[in-house]
Amino acid sequence: MSRFNNLSRGNCAACHLSQPTQNHRPPLFTDTQYEALGVPRNAKIPANQDPNFYDLGLCGPYRSDLHAQTQYCGLLITPSLRNAATRHAFLSWRV
């Protein structure tokens, strides 16, 4: 956990909050903010089999309300790391 919280060794906890919530619940391991994550394609998502498909996060294709707001293109919500040891794939919510 010391590396997870270390500012000079990844600083994971900056986005994946590791402290209990204000109401003393276990940590969510996400700040629920939108970030330009820059993760590689997840091959387990069927849409990613198409090389012409790009998930632009807040700009689409699953959302259309912010399509014209190009400053939001590529922003995705910070995924939770809760139960990471038991998950088979990350960022696969659109399977």
C-alpha atoms as a PDB file:
ATOM      1  CA  MET A   1       0.000   0.000   0.000  1.00  0.00           C
ATOM      2  CA  SER A   2       2.935   2.354   0.531  1.00  0.00           C
ATOM      3  CA  ARG A   3       3.749   2.394  -3.220  1.00  0.00           C
ATOM      4  CA  PHE A   4       0.085   2.895  -4.041  1.00  0.00           C
ATOM      5  CA  ASN A   5       0.011   6.057  -1.924  1.00  0.00           C
ATOM      6  CA  ASN A   6       3.557   7.255  -2.695  1.00  0.00           C
ATOM      7  CA  LEU A   7       3.616  10.535  -4.657  1.00  0.00           C
ATOM      8  CA  SER A   8       6.872   9.602  -6.398  1.00  0.00           C
ATOM      9  CA  ARG A   9       6.054   5.934  -7.180  1.00  0.00           C
ATOM     10  CA  GLY A  10       2.911   6.111  -9.276  1.00  0.00           C
ATOM     11  CA  ASN A  11       0.636   8.076  -6.986  1.00  0.00           C
ATOM     12  CA  CYS A  12      -2.238   5.687  -7.710  1.00  0.00           C
ATOM     13  CA  ALA A  13      -4.227   7.018  -4.765  1.00  0.00           C
ATOM     14  CA  ALA A  14      -4.498  10.430  -6.448  1.00  0.00           C
ATOM     15  CA  CYS A  15      -7.292   8.973  -8.601  1.00  0.00           C
ATOM     16  CA  HIS A  16      -7.999   5.614  -6.941  1.00  0.00           C
ATOM     17  CA  LEU A  17      -8.777   6.923  -3.456  1.00  0.00           C
ATOM     18  CA  SER A  18      -7.612   4.469  -0.836  1.00  0.00           C
ATOM     19  CA  GLN A  19      -8.966   6.087   2.301  1.00  0.00           C
ATOM     20  CA  PRO A  20     -12.338   5.236   3.860  1.00  0.00           C
ATOM     21  CA  THR A  21     -15.213   7.444   2.735  1.00  0.00           C
ATOM     22  CA  GLN A  22     -16.494  10.332   4.854  1.00  0.00           C
ATOM     23  CA  ASN A  23     -19.226   8.079   6.256  1.00  0.00           C
ATOM     24  CA  HIS A  24     -16.560   5.513   7.270  1.00  0.00           C
ATOM     25  CA  ARG A  25     -17.316   3.049   4.467  1.00  0.00           C
ATOM     26  CA  PRO A  26     -14.505   1.087   2.787  1.00  0.00           C
ATOM     27  CA  PRO A  27     -12.650   3.014   0.082  1.00  0.00           C
ATOM     28  CA  LEU A  28     -14.127   3.065  -3.408  1.00  0.00           C
ATOM     29  CA  PHE A  29     -10.702   3.166  -5.110  1.00  0.00           C
ATOM     30  CA  THR A  30     -11.991   5.778  -7.567  1.00  0.00           C
ATOM     31  CA  ASP A  31     -12.482   9.514  -7.423  1.00  0.00           C
ATOM     32  CA  THR A  32     -15.404   9.243  -9.892  1.00  0.00           C
ATOM     33  CA  GLN A  33     -13.806  11.979 -12.001  1.00  0.00           C
ATOM     34  CA  TYR A  34     -13.336  11.990 -15.754  1.00  0.00           C
ATOM     35  CA  GLU A  35      -9.765  11.624 -16.987  1.00  0.00           C
ATOM     36  CA  ALA A  36      -7.939  11.033 -20.243  1.00  0.00           C
ATOM     37  CA  LEU A  37      -6.851   7.558 -19.214  1.00  0.00           C
ATOM     38  CA  GLY A  38      -4.926   6.503 -22.299  1.00  0.00           C
ATOM     39  CA  VAL A  39      -5.562   2.797 -21.809  1.00  0.00           C
ATOM     40  CA  PRO A  40      -5.008   0.341 -24.651  1.00  0.00           C
ATOM     41  CA  ARG A  41      -7.919  -1.342 -26.373  1.00  0.00           C
ATOM     42  CA  ASN A  42      -9.561  -4.114 -24.381  1.00  0.00           C
ATOM     43  CA  ALA A  43      -9.833  -7.045 -26.796  1.00  0.00           C
ATOM     44  CA  LYS A  44     -12.658  -8.532 -24.702  1.00  0.00           C
ATOM     45  CA  ILE A  45     -14.973  -5.707 -25.777  1.00  0.00           C
ATOM     46  CA  PRO A  46     -16.590  -6.803 -29.054  1.00  0.00           C
ATOM     47  CA  ALA A  47     -16.664  -3.261 -30.467  1.00  0.00           C
ATOM     48  CA  ASN A  48     -12.867  -3.134 -30.271  1.00  0.00           C
ATOM     49  CA  GLN A  49     -12.617  -5.871 -32.891  1.00  0.00           C
ATOM     50  CA  ASP A  50     -13.421  -3.129 -35.413  1.00  0.00           C
ATOM     51  CA  PRO A  51     -10.211  -1.089 -35.970  1.00  0.00           C
ATOM     52  CA  ASN A  52     -12.344   1.904 -36.987  1.00  0.00           C
ATOM     53  CA  PHE A  53     -14.164   2.003 -33.640  1.00  0.00           C
ATOM     54  CA  TYR A  54     -12.992   4.528 -31.059  1.00  0.00           C
ATOM     55  CA  ASP A  55     -14.565   5.048 -27.679  1.00  0.00           C
ATOM     56  CA  LEU A  56     -14.304   8.805 -27.231  1.00  0.00           C
ATOM     57  CA  GLY A  57     -15.753   8.662 -23.738  1.00  0.00           C
ATOM     58  CA  LEU A  58     -17.901  11.704 -23.097  1.00  0.00           C
ATOM     59  CA  CYS A  59     -17.957  12.564 -26.832  1.00  0.00           C
ATOM     60  CA  GLY A  60     -19.381   9.265 -28.006  1.00  0.00           C
ATOM     61  CA  PRO A  61     -20.325   7.017 -29.566  1.00  0.00           C
ATOM     62  CA  TYR A  62     -22.415   5.989 -26.544  1.00  0.00           C
ATOM     63  CA  ARG A  63     -23.206   9.576 -25.610  1.00  0.00           C
ATOM     64  CA  SER A  64     -24.349  12.321 -27.945  1.00  0.00           C
ATOM     65  CA  ASP A  65     -25.081  15.190 -25.561  1.00  0.00           C
ATOM     66  CA  LEU A  66     -21.429  16.359 -25.449  1.00  0.00           C
ATOM     67  CA  HIS A  67     -20.389  15.410 -28.983  1.00  0.00           C
ATOM     68  CA  ALA A  68     -19.757  19.044 -29.977  1.00  0.00           C
ATOM     69  CA  GLN A  69     -17.761  19.730 -26.797  1.00  0.00           C
ATOM     70  CA  THR A  70     -14.427  18.492 -28.150  1.00  0.00           C
ATOM     71  CA  GLN A  71     -12.554  19.392 -24.953  1.00  0.00           C
ATOM     72  CA  TYR A  72     -14.261  16.360 -23.376  1.00  0.00           C
ATOM     73  CA  CYS A  73     -13.323  13.867 -26.102  1.00  0.00           C
ATOM     74  CA  GLY A  74     -11.374  10.921 -24.740  1.00  0.00           C
ATOM     75  CA  LEU A  75     -12.366  11.503 -21.124  1.00  0.00           C
ATOM     76  CA  LEU A  76     -13.533   8.381 -19.298  1.00  0.00           C
ATOM     77  CA  ILE A  77     -14.494   7.933 -15.664  1.00  0.00           C
ATOM     78  CA  THR A  78     -11.684   6.683 -13.444  1.00  0.00           C
ATOM     79  CA  PRO A  79     -12.376   2.972 -12.989  1.00  0.00           C
ATOM     80  CA  SER A  80     -12.586   1.546  -9.499  1.00  0.00           C
ATOM     81  CA  LEU A  81      -9.850  -0.826  -8.436  1.00  0.00           C
ATOM     82  CA  ARG A  82     -12.113  -2.367  -5.829  1.00  0.00           C
ATOM     83  CA  ASN A  83     -11.983  -6.188  -6.057  1.00  0.00           C
ATOM     84  CA  ALA A  84      -9.283  -5.924  -8.738  1.00  0.00           C
ATOM     85  CA  ALA A  85      -7.864  -9.315  -7.788  1.00  0.00           C
ATOM     86  CA  THR A  86     -11.125 -11.023  -8.711  1.00  0.00           C
ATOM     87  CA  ARG A  87     -11.811  -9.219 -12.009  1.00  0.00           C
ATOM     88  CA  HIS A  88     -10.953 -10.767 -15.356  1.00  0.00           C
ATOM     89  CA  ALA A  89     -10.772  -7.529 -17.340  1.00  0.00           C
ATOM     90  CA  PHE A  90     -10.758  -3.813 -16.684  1.00  0.00           C
ATOM     91  CA  LEU A  91     -12.696  -1.208 -18.639  1.00  0.00           C
ATOM     92  CA  SER A  92     -14.974  -3.847 -20.082  1.00  0.00           C
ATOM     93  CA  TRP A  93     -18.316  -2.400 -19.033  1.00  0.00           C
ATOM     94  CA  ARG A  94     -19.592  -2.465 -22.611  1.00  0.00           C
ATOM     95  CA  VAL A  95     -19.222  -6.193 -23.255  1.00  0.00           C
END
